[in-house]
Amino acid sequence: MAYGMITKIKKELPRKLKRKAMLNKTSIKSYDKNNKLTPAMILKLQEHSKHHTASHIRMMVRMMGSGTSFNQAHKETMKKMGK
């Protein structure tokens, strides 16, 4: 290595900090027993699942299936379950 040459060393991130995978559409649909979620709702929940646990998404699906809006379901779920 020549003097003054800077090399970038690529380090692996710890598993905890790696990006979480999304839940797939079929798993979100399986949480919806009454089939009341629209495809747009499912996509929004799928994107939301990157940041939250499966149990968080499951509770939101149940609440949204009974007529609660996305924001209201999220607030209630955060109060009861957390992330």
PDB file of N, CA and C in Angstrom:
ATOM      1  N   MET A   1       0.843  -1.173   0.000  1.00  0.00           N
ATOM      2  CA  MET A   1       0.000   0.000   0.000  1.00  0.00           C
ATOM      3  C   MET A   1       0.889   1.236   0.000  1.00  0.00           C
ATOM      4  N   ALA A   2       0.612   2.107  -0.900  1.00  0.00           N
ATOM      5  CA  ALA A   2       1.408   3.318  -1.046  1.00  0.00           C
ATOM      6  C   ALA A   2       1.091   4.309   0.072  1.00  0.00           C
ATOM      7  N   TYR A   3       2.060   5.143   0.353  1.00  0.00           N
ATOM      8  CA  TYR A   3       1.902   6.149   1.391  1.00  0.00           C
ATOM      9  C   TYR A   3       0.783   7.121   1.017  1.00  0.00           C
ATOM     10  N   GLY A   4      -0.111   7.407   1.942  1.00  0.00           N
ATOM     11  CA  GLY A   4      -1.181   8.365   1.717  1.00  0.00           C
ATOM     12  C   GLY A   4      -2.401   7.782   1.026  1.00  0.00           C
ATOM     13  N   MET A   5      -2.335   6.508   0.656  1.00  0.00           N
ATOM     14  CA  MET A   5      -3.473   5.899  -0.020  1.00  0.00           C
ATOM     15  C   MET A   5      -4.496   5.451   1.032  1.00  0.00           C
ATOM     16  N   ILE A   6      -5.711   5.859   0.860  1.00  0.00           N
ATOM     17  CA  ILE A   6      -6.757   5.526   1.818  1.00  0.00           C
ATOM     18  C   ILE A   6      -7.620   4.419   1.214  1.00  0.00           C
ATOM     19  N   THR A   7      -7.796   3.369   1.973  1.00  0.00           N
ATOM     20  CA  THR A   7      -8.670   2.288   1.524  1.00  0.00           C
ATOM     21  C   THR A   7      -9.858   2.214   2.460  1.00  0.00           C
ATOM     22  N   LYS A   8     -10.976   1.947   1.890  1.00  0.00           N
ATOM     23  CA  LYS A   8     -12.180   1.806   2.693  1.00  0.00           C
ATOM     24  C   LYS A   8     -12.330   0.344   3.075  1.00  0.00           C
ATOM     25  N   ILE A   9     -12.508   0.118   4.331  1.00  0.00           N
ATOM     26  CA  ILE A   9     -12.732  -1.238   4.813  1.00  0.00           C
ATOM     27  C   ILE A   9     -14.220  -1.387   5.058  1.00  0.00           C
ATOM     28  N   LYS A  10     -14.819  -2.349   4.378  1.00  0.00           N
ATOM     29  CA  LYS A  10     -16.245  -2.567   4.499  1.00  0.00           C
ATOM     30  C   LYS A  10     -16.502  -3.515   5.666  1.00  0.00           C
ATOM     31  N   LYS A  11     -17.196  -3.021   6.662  1.00  0.00           N
ATOM     32  CA  LYS A  11     -17.517  -3.849   7.820  1.00  0.00           C
ATOM     33  C   LYS A  11     -18.975  -4.279   7.732  1.00  0.00           C
ATOM     34  N   GLU A  12     -19.230  -5.468   8.201  1.00  0.00           N
ATOM     35  CA  GLU A  12     -20.603  -5.957   8.276  1.00  0.00           C
ATOM     36  C   GLU A  12     -21.289  -5.300   9.469  1.00  0.00           C
ATOM     37  N   LEU A  13     -22.524  -4.866   9.261  1.00  0.00           N
ATOM     38  CA  LEU A  13     -23.292  -4.324  10.370  1.00  0.00           C
ATOM     39  C   LEU A  13     -23.709  -5.465  11.286  1.00  0.00           C
ATOM     40  N   PRO A  14     -23.828  -5.195  12.562  1.00  0.00           N
ATOM     41  CA  PRO A  14     -24.357  -6.245  13.443  1.00  0.00           C
ATOM     42  C   PRO A  14     -25.765  -6.623  13.004  1.00  0.00           C
ATOM     43  N   ARG A  15     -26.153  -7.849  13.257  1.00  0.00           N
ATOM     44  CA  ARG A  15     -27.457  -8.354  12.818  1.00  0.00           C
ATOM     45  C   ARG A  15     -28.597  -7.467  13.312  1.00  0.00           C
ATOM     46  N   LYS A  16     -28.439  -6.918  14.512  1.00  0.00           N
ATOM     47  CA  LYS A  16     -29.469  -6.082  15.109  1.00  0.00           C
ATOM     48  C   LYS A  16     -29.730  -4.820  14.280  1.00  0.00           C
ATOM     49  N   LEU A  17     -28.698  -4.266  13.653  1.00  0.00           N
ATOM     50  CA  LEU A  17     -28.838  -3.012  12.930  1.00  0.00           C
ATOM     51  C   LEU A  17     -29.167  -3.195  11.447  1.00  0.00           C
ATOM     52  N   LYS A  18     -29.153  -4.424  10.958  1.00  0.00           N
ATOM     53  CA  LYS A  18     -29.479  -4.642   9.555  1.00  0.00           C
ATOM     54  C   LYS A  18     -30.947  -4.341   9.318  1.00  0.00           C
ATOM     55  N   ARG A  19     -31.276  -3.994   8.100  1.00  0.00           N
ATOM     56  CA  ARG A  19     -32.643  -3.651   7.754  1.00  0.00           C
ATOM     57  C   ARG A  19     -33.553  -4.864   7.894  1.00  0.00           C
ATOM     58  N   LYS A  20     -34.682  -4.669   8.537  1.00  0.00           N
ATOM     59  CA  LYS A  20     -35.628  -5.740   8.760  1.00  0.00           C
ATOM     60  C   LYS A  20     -36.410  -6.016   7.486  1.00  0.00           C
ATOM     61  N   ALA A  21     -36.687  -7.263   7.233  1.00  0.00           N
ATOM     62  CA  ALA A  21     -37.444  -7.636   6.044  1.00  0.00           C
ATOM     63  C   ALA A  21     -38.928  -7.351   6.250  1.00  0.00           C
ATOM     64  N   MET A  22     -39.616  -7.065   5.160  1.00  0.00           N
ATOM     65  CA  MET A  22     -41.052  -6.830   5.215  1.00  0.00           C
ATOM     66  C   MET A  22     -41.792  -8.150   5.330  1.00  0.00           C
ATOM     67  N   LEU A  23     -42.977  -8.094   5.903  1.00  0.00           N
ATOM     68  CA  LEU A  23     -43.869  -9.247   5.847  1.00  0.00           C
ATOM     69  C   LEU A  23     -44.417  -9.324   4.430  1.00  0.00           C
ATOM     70  N   ASN A  24     -44.683 -10.520   3.955  1.00  0.00           N
ATOM     71  CA  ASN A  24     -45.247 -10.613   2.608  1.00  0.00           C
ATOM     72  C   ASN A  24     -46.767 -10.455   2.654  1.00  0.00           C
ATOM     73  N   LYS A  25     -47.358 -10.234   1.491  1.00  0.00           N
ATOM     74  CA  LYS A  25     -48.791  -9.944   1.409  1.00  0.00           C
ATOM     75  C   LYS A  25     -49.639 -11.088   1.937  1.00  0.00           C
ATOM     76  N   THR A  26     -49.226 -12.332   1.664  1.00  0.00           N
ATOM     77  CA  THR A  26     -50.041 -13.471   2.087  1.00  0.00           C
ATOM     78  C   THR A  26     -50.099 -13.586   3.603  1.00  0.00           C
ATOM     79  N   SER A  27     -49.006 -13.252   4.291  1.00  0.00           N
ATOM     80  CA  SER A  27     -49.045 -13.323   5.749  1.00  0.00           C
ATOM     81  C   SER A  27     -49.941 -12.235   6.325  1.00  0.00           C
ATOM     82  N   ILE A  28     -49.937 -11.059   5.716  1.00  0.00           N
ATOM     83  CA  ILE A  28     -50.826  -9.981   6.175  1.00  0.00           C
ATOM     84  C   ILE A  28     -52.278 -10.354   5.889  1.00  0.00           C
ATOM     85  N   LYS A  29     -52.540 -10.937   4.728  1.00  0.00           N
ATOM     86  CA  LYS A  29     -53.902 -11.365   4.404  1.00  0.00           C
ATOM     87  C   LYS A  29     -54.383 -12.450   5.355  1.00  0.00           C
ATOM     88  N   SER A  30     -53.481 -13.321   5.802  1.00  0.00           N
ATOM     89  CA  SER A  30     -53.884 -14.398   6.704  1.00  0.00           C
ATOM     90  C   SER A  30     -54.308 -13.860   8.070  1.00  0.00           C
ATOM     91  N   TYR A  31     -53.807 -12.686   8.469  1.00  0.00           N
ATOM     92  CA  TYR A  31     -54.233 -12.074   9.727  1.00  0.00           C
ATOM     93  C   TYR A  31     -55.642 -11.505   9.622  1.00  0.00           C
ATOM     94  N   ASP A  32     -56.088 -11.202   8.407  1.00  0.00           N
ATOM     95  CA  ASP A  32     -57.394 -10.585   8.175  1.00  0.00           C
ATOM     96  C   ASP A  32     -58.439 -11.685   8.000  1.00  0.00           C
ATOM     97  N   LYS A  33     -59.142 -12.011   9.071  1.00  0.00           N
ATOM     98  CA  LYS A  33     -60.112 -13.114   9.038  1.00  0.00           C
ATOM     99  C   LYS A  33     -61.354 -12.774   8.220  1.00  0.00           C
ATOM    100  N   ASN A  34     -61.782 -11.503   8.222  1.00  0.00           N
ATOM    101  CA  ASN A  34     -63.018 -11.112   7.546  1.00  0.00           C
ATOM    102  C   ASN A  34     -62.799 -10.620   6.119  1.00  0.00           C
ATOM    103  N   ASN A  35     -61.566 -10.604   5.653  1.00  0.00           N
ATOM    104  CA  ASN A  35     -61.225 -10.113   4.308  1.00  0.00           C
ATOM    105  C   ASN A  35     -61.769  -8.715   4.045  1.00  0.00           C
ATOM    106  N   LYS A  36     -61.560  -7.816   4.992  1.00  0.00           N
ATOM    107  CA  LYS A  36     -62.063  -6.448   4.842  1.00  0.00           C
ATOM    108  C   LYS A  36     -60.989  -5.454   4.421  1.00  0.00           C
ATOM    109  N   LEU A  37     -59.730  -5.868   4.358  1.00  0.00           N
ATOM    110  CA  LEU A  37     -58.666  -4.946   3.975  1.00  0.00           C
ATOM    111  C   LEU A  37     -58.590  -4.820   2.457  1.00  0.00           C
ATOM    112  N   THR A  38     -58.418  -3.590   2.001  1.00  0.00           N
ATOM    113  CA  THR A  38     -58.263  -3.347   0.566  1.00  0.00           C
ATOM    114  C   THR A  38     -56.805  -3.600   0.176  1.00  0.00           C
ATOM    115  N   PRO A  39     -56.521  -3.783  -1.115  1.00  0.00           N
ATOM    116  CA  PRO A  39     -55.126  -3.960  -1.544  1.00  0.00           C
ATOM    117  C   PRO A  39     -54.225  -2.790  -1.150  1.00  0.00           C
ATOM    118  N   ALA A  40     -54.761  -1.565  -1.141  1.00  0.00           N
ATOM    119  CA  ALA A  40     -53.974  -0.400  -0.733  1.00  0.00           C
ATOM    120  C   ALA A  40     -53.605  -0.483   0.750  1.00  0.00           C
ATOM    121  N   MET A  41     -54.540  -0.932   1.581  1.00  0.00           N
ATOM    122  CA  MET A  41     -54.264  -1.094   3.007  1.00  0.00           C
ATOM    123  C   MET A  41     -53.185  -2.144   3.237  1.00  0.00           C
ATOM    124  N   ILE A  42     -53.264  -3.223   2.475  1.00  0.00           N
ATOM    125  CA  ILE A  42     -52.290  -4.307   2.618  1.00  0.00           C
ATOM    126  C   ILE A  42     -50.897  -3.811   2.243  1.00  0.00           C
ATOM    127  N   LEU A  43     -50.789  -3.033   1.162  1.00  0.00           N
ATOM    128  CA  LEU A  43     -49.492  -2.485   0.768  1.00  0.00           C
ATOM    129  C   LEU A  43     -48.932  -1.544   1.831  1.00  0.00           C
ATOM    130  N   LYS A  44     -49.802  -0.728   2.412  1.00  0.00           N
ATOM    131  CA  LYS A  44     -49.364   0.197   3.445  1.00  0.00           C
ATOM    132  C   LYS A  44     -48.883  -0.554   4.681  1.00  0.00           C
ATOM    133  N   LEU A  45     -49.595  -1.611   5.056  1.00  0.00           N
ATOM    134  CA  LEU A  45     -49.173  -2.414   6.194  1.00  0.00           C
ATOM    135  C   LEU A  45     -47.884  -3.176   5.897  1.00  0.00           C
ATOM    136  N   GLN A  46     -47.728  -3.597   4.665  1.00  0.00           N
ATOM    137  CA  GLN A  46     -46.508  -4.303   4.274  1.00  0.00           C
ATOM    138  C   GLN A  46     -45.297  -3.379   4.423  1.00  0.00           C
ATOM    139  N   GLU A  47     -45.421  -2.156   3.974  1.00  0.00           N
ATOM    140  CA  GLU A  47     -44.340  -1.181   4.114  1.00  0.00           C
ATOM    141  C   GLU A  47     -44.101  -0.852   5.593  1.00  0.00           C
ATOM    142  N   HIS A  48     -45.185  -0.785   6.353  1.00  0.00           N
ATOM    143  CA  HIS A  48     -45.124  -0.470   7.784  1.00  0.00           C
ATOM    144  C   HIS A  48     -44.431  -1.587   8.563  1.00  0.00           C
ATOM    145  N   SER A  49     -44.505  -2.814   8.048  1.00  0.00           N
ATOM    146  CA  SER A  49     -43.955  -3.964   8.759  1.00  0.00           C
ATOM    147  C   SER A  49     -42.435  -3.955   8.809  1.00  0.00           C
ATOM    148  N   LYS A  50     -41.779  -3.095   8.023  1.00  0.00           N
ATOM    149  CA  LYS A  50     -40.318  -2.978   8.091  1.00  0.00           C
ATOM    150  C   LYS A  50     -39.881  -2.481   9.463  1.00  0.00           C
ATOM    151  N   HIS A  51     -40.729  -1.677  10.081  1.00  0.00           N
ATOM    152  CA  HIS A  51     -40.353  -0.994  11.312  1.00  0.00           C
ATOM    153  C   HIS A  51     -40.989  -1.590  12.568  1.00  0.00           C
ATOM    154  N   HIS A  52     -41.873  -2.582  12.401  1.00  0.00           N
ATOM    155  CA  HIS A  52     -42.612  -3.109  13.540  1.00  0.00           C
ATOM    156  C   HIS A  52     -42.663  -4.628  13.503  1.00  0.00           C
ATOM    157  N   THR A  53     -42.995  -5.209  14.653  1.00  0.00           N
ATOM    158  CA  THR A  53     -43.037  -6.660  14.786  1.00  0.00           C
ATOM    159  C   THR A  53     -44.302  -7.222  14.145  1.00  0.00           C
ATOM    160  N   ALA A  54     -44.301  -8.543  13.959  1.00  0.00           N
ATOM    161  CA  ALA A  54     -45.457  -9.201  13.361  1.00  0.00           C
ATOM    162  C   ALA A  54     -46.681  -9.091  14.262  1.00  0.00           C
ATOM    163  N   SER A  55     -46.490  -9.145  15.582  1.00  0.00           N
ATOM    164  CA  SER A  55     -47.635  -9.017  16.489  1.00  0.00           C
ATOM    165  C   SER A  55     -48.233  -7.619  16.434  1.00  0.00           C
ATOM    166  N   HIS A  56     -47.400  -6.609  16.211  1.00  0.00           N
ATOM    167  CA  HIS A  56     -47.886  -5.234  16.048  1.00  0.00           C
ATOM    168  C   HIS A  56     -48.759  -5.149  14.790  1.00  0.00           C
ATOM    169  N   ILE A  57     -48.287  -5.716  13.699  1.00  0.00           N
ATOM    170  CA  ILE A  57     -49.041  -5.687  12.440  1.00  0.00           C
ATOM    171  C   ILE A  57     -50.336  -6.482  12.580  1.00  0.00           C
ATOM    172  N   ARG A  58     -50.276  -7.623  13.255  1.00  0.00           N
ATOM    173  CA  ARG A  58     -51.467  -8.459  13.439  1.00  0.00           C
ATOM    174  C   ARG A  58     -52.557  -7.691  14.168  1.00  0.00           C
ATOM    175  N   MET A  59     -52.188  -6.970  15.220  1.00  0.00           N
ATOM    176  CA  MET A  59     -53.180  -6.200  15.966  1.00  0.00           C
ATOM    177  C   MET A  59     -53.740  -5.063  15.112  1.00  0.00           C
ATOM    178  N   MET A  60     -52.880  -4.416  14.337  1.00  0.00           N
ATOM    179  CA  MET A  60     -53.353  -3.345  13.457  1.00  0.00           C
ATOM    180  C   MET A  60     -54.321  -3.880  12.406  1.00  0.00           C
ATOM    181  N   VAL A  61     -54.044  -5.053  11.862  1.00  0.00           N
ATOM    182  CA  VAL A  61     -54.933  -5.654  10.852  1.00  0.00           C
ATOM    183  C   VAL A  61     -56.301  -5.917  11.458  1.00  0.00           C
ATOM    184  N   ARG A  62     -56.320  -6.457  12.680  1.00  0.00           N
ATOM    185  CA  ARG A  62     -57.603  -6.719  13.332  1.00  0.00           C
ATOM    186  C   ARG A  62     -58.392  -5.430  13.540  1.00  0.00           C
ATOM    187  N   MET A  63     -57.704  -4.380  13.976  1.00  0.00           N
ATOM    188  CA  MET A  63     -58.391  -3.107  14.231  1.00  0.00           C
ATOM    189  C   MET A  63     -58.867  -2.463  12.931  1.00  0.00           C
ATOM    190  N   MET A  64     -58.026  -2.505  11.897  1.00  0.00           N
ATOM    191  CA  MET A  64     -58.400  -1.900  10.618  1.00  0.00           C
ATOM    192  C   MET A  64     -59.532  -2.688   9.956  1.00  0.00           C
ATOM    193  N   GLY A  65     -59.584  -3.985  10.177  1.00  0.00           N
ATOM    194  CA  GLY A  65     -60.674  -4.804   9.641  1.00  0.00           C
ATOM    195  C   GLY A  65     -62.013  -4.465  10.266  1.00  0.00           C
ATOM    196  N   SER A  66     -61.968  -3.945  11.494  1.00  0.00           N
ATOM    197  CA  SER A  66     -63.219  -3.573  12.157  1.00  0.00           C
ATOM    198  C   SER A  66     -63.592  -2.115  11.937  1.00  0.00           C
ATOM    199  N   GLY A  67     -62.851  -1.420  11.049  1.00  0.00           N
ATOM    200  CA  GLY A  67     -63.253  -0.071  10.665  1.00  0.00           C
ATOM    201  C   GLY A  67     -62.388   1.059  11.189  1.00  0.00           C
ATOM    202  N   THR A  68     -61.353   0.771  11.939  1.00  0.00           N
ATOM    203  CA  THR A  68     -60.470   1.810  12.456  1.00  0.00           C
ATOM    204  C   THR A  68     -59.529   2.282  11.356  1.00  0.00           C
ATOM    205  N   SER A  69     -59.185   3.561  11.362  1.00  0.00           N
ATOM    206  CA  SER A  69     -58.241   4.070  10.363  1.00  0.00           C
ATOM    207  C   SER A  69     -56.821   3.607  10.700  1.00  0.00           C
ATOM    208  N   PHE A  70     -55.922   3.757   9.734  1.00  0.00           N
ATOM    209  CA  PHE A  70     -54.534   3.340   9.913  1.00  0.00           C
ATOM    210  C   PHE A  70     -53.892   4.064  11.087  1.00  0.00           C
ATOM    211  N   ASN A  71     -54.040   5.392  11.131  1.00  0.00           N
ATOM    212  CA  ASN A  71     -53.409   6.182  12.193  1.00  0.00           C
ATOM    213  C   ASN A  71     -53.965   5.849  13.573  1.00  0.00           C
ATOM    214  N   GLN A  72     -55.279   5.687  13.671  1.00  0.00           N
ATOM    215  CA  GLN A  72     -55.882   5.342  14.953  1.00  0.00           C
ATOM    216  C   GLN A  72     -55.435   3.953  15.407  1.00  0.00           C
ATOM    217  N   ALA A  73     -55.402   3.015  14.470  1.00  0.00           N
ATOM    218  CA  ALA A  73     -54.967   1.655  14.802  1.00  0.00           C
ATOM    219  C   ALA A  73     -53.516   1.654  15.262  1.00  0.00           C
ATOM    220  N   HIS A  74     -52.683   2.444  14.610  1.00  0.00           N
ATOM    221  CA  HIS A  74     -51.271   2.505  14.990  1.00  0.00           C
ATOM    222  C   HIS A  74     -51.099   3.086  16.389  1.00  0.00           C
ATOM    223  N   LYS A  75     -51.814   4.170  16.681  1.00  0.00           N
ATOM    224  CA  LYS A  75     -51.693   4.800  18.000  1.00  0.00           C
ATOM    225  C   LYS A  75     -52.128   3.851  19.113  1.00  0.00           C
ATOM    226  N   GLU A  76     -53.251   3.177  18.914  1.00  0.00           N
ATOM    227  CA  GLU A  76     -53.756   2.241  19.919  1.00  0.00           C
ATOM    228  C   GLU A  76     -52.804   1.067  20.112  1.00  0.00           C
ATOM    229  N   THR A  77     -52.281   0.560  19.011  1.00  0.00           N
ATOM    230  CA  THR A  77     -51.359  -0.574  19.082  1.00  0.00           C
ATOM    231  C   THR A  77     -50.064  -0.174  19.791  1.00  0.00           C
ATOM    232  N   MET A  78     -49.586   1.024  19.531  1.00  0.00           N
ATOM    233  CA  MET A  78     -48.366   1.486  20.197  1.00  0.00           C
ATOM    234  C   MET A  78     -48.600   1.625  21.710  1.00  0.00           C
ATOM    235  N   LYS A  79     -49.807   2.063  22.110  1.00  0.00           N
ATOM    236  CA  LYS A  79     -50.114   2.184  23.535  1.00  0.00           C
ATOM    237  C   LYS A  79     -50.151   0.812  24.196  1.00  0.00           C
ATOM    238  N   LYS A  80     -50.821  -0.144  23.534  1.00  0.00           N
ATOM    239  CA  LYS A  80     -51.022  -1.458  24.132  1.00  0.00           C
ATOM    240  C   LYS A  80     -49.816  -2.377  24.034  1.00  0.00           C
ATOM    241  N   MET A  81     -49.189  -2.434  22.854  1.00  0.00           N
ATOM    242  CA  MET A  81     -48.138  -3.417  22.598  1.00  0.00           C
ATOM    243  C   MET A  81     -46.751  -2.820  22.469  1.00  0.00           C
ATOM    244  N   GLY A  82     -46.666  -1.614  21.995  1.00  0.00           N
ATOM    245  CA  GLY A  82     -45.361  -1.044  21.686  1.00  0.00           C
ATOM    246  C   GLY A  82     -44.937  -1.449  20.284  1.00  0.00           C
ATOM    247  N   LYS A  83     -43.661  -1.428  20.029  1.00  0.00           N
ATOM    248  CA  LYS A  83     -43.148  -1.676  18.697  1.00  0.00           C
ATOM    249  C   LYS A  83     -43.185  -3.157  18.391  1.00  0.00           C
TER     250      LYS A  83
END
